[in-house]
Amino acid sequence: MDASVNNTVNSALALRDANLMMEVQASVTKKAINAQADSVATLMQSLPVLAIDGTLGSRINTHA
């Protein structure tokens, strides 16, 4: 009976550790995604505005 209890406790501890690792990995991933989103937002803000008027600069002439 003691071996069964020990196995159950060891399994519970292993699952707790695995859960903690997954939470840490999710947190790191969220921070990395947020950092990338901030970088993209900065890059997008640095781009010049192309179209001031409704159609000015918003169409490409494809006929040569």
Protein backbone atom coordinates (compact mmCIF):
# COMPACT_ATOMS: atom_id res chain seq x y z
CA MET A 1 0.00 0.00 0.00
CA ASP A 2 2.88 2.41 0.74
CA ALA A 3 4.29 2.04 -2.77
CA SER A 4 0.93 3.00 -4.24
CA VAL A 5 0.75 6.12 -2.08
CA ASN A 6 4.34 7.06 -2.95
CA ASN A 7 3.62 6.62 -6.66
CA THR A 8 0.52 8.79 -6.39
CA VAL A 9 2.38 11.52 -4.53
CA ASN A 10 5.29 11.40 -6.98
CA SER A 11 2.87 11.63 -9.91
CA ALA A 12 1.10 14.60 -8.33
CA LEU A 13 4.41 16.38 -7.74
CA ALA A 14 5.54 15.70 -11.30
CA LEU A 15 2.27 17.08 -12.68
CA ARG A 16 2.60 20.17 -10.49
CA ASP A 17 6.13 20.76 -11.78
CA ALA A 18 5.03 20.25 -15.38
CA ASN A 19 2.15 22.70 -14.87
CA LEU A 20 4.52 25.29 -13.43
CA MET A 21 6.89 24.91 -16.40
CA MET A 22 4.01 25.36 -18.84
CA GLU A 23 2.91 28.53 -17.03
CA VAL A 24 6.45 29.92 -17.17
CA GLN A 25 6.73 29.10 -20.88
CA ALA A 26 3.37 30.75 -21.58
CA SER A 27 4.45 33.85 -19.69
CA VAL A 28 7.72 34.09 -21.63
CA THR A 29 5.87 33.58 -24.91
CA LYS A 30 3.37 36.34 -24.06
CA LYS A 31 6.20 38.74 -23.21
CA ALA A 32 7.95 37.93 -26.50
CA ILE A 33 4.75 38.47 -28.49
CA ASN A 34 4.09 41.77 -26.72
CA ALA A 35 7.65 42.92 -27.46
CA GLN A 36 7.20 42.02 -31.14
CA ALA A 37 3.86 43.85 -31.23
CA ASP A 38 5.50 46.95 -29.79
CA SER A 39 8.28 46.75 -32.39
CA VAL A 40 5.80 46.40 -35.23
CA ALA A 41 3.72 49.30 -33.92
CA THR A 42 6.84 51.48 -33.80
CA LEU A 43 7.77 50.50 -37.36
CA MET A 44 4.23 51.17 -38.61
CA GLN A 45 4.21 54.61 -37.00
CA SER A 46 7.51 55.49 -38.65
CA LEU A 47 6.11 54.89 -42.15
CA PRO A 48 5.06 57.99 -44.08
CA VAL A 49 1.40 58.57 -44.86
CA LEU A 50 1.01 57.84 -48.56
CA ALA A 51 -2.53 58.92 -49.33
CA ILE A 52 -3.58 62.39 -48.17
CA ASP A 53 -6.49 62.77 -50.60
CA GLY A 54 -9.05 60.01 -51.15
CA THR A 55 -7.46 58.48 -54.25
CA LEU A 56 -4.08 60.23 -54.34
CA GLY A 57 -1.34 57.65 -53.96
CA SER A 58 -3.71 54.79 -53.37
CA ARG A 59 -3.78 53.33 -56.91
CA ILE A 60 -1.10 51.77 -59.04
CA ASN A 61 -1.10 52.18 -62.81
CA THR A 62 -0.46 48.71 -64.19
CA HIS A 63 -0.49 49.69 -67.90
CA ALA A 64 2.90 50.31 -69.45
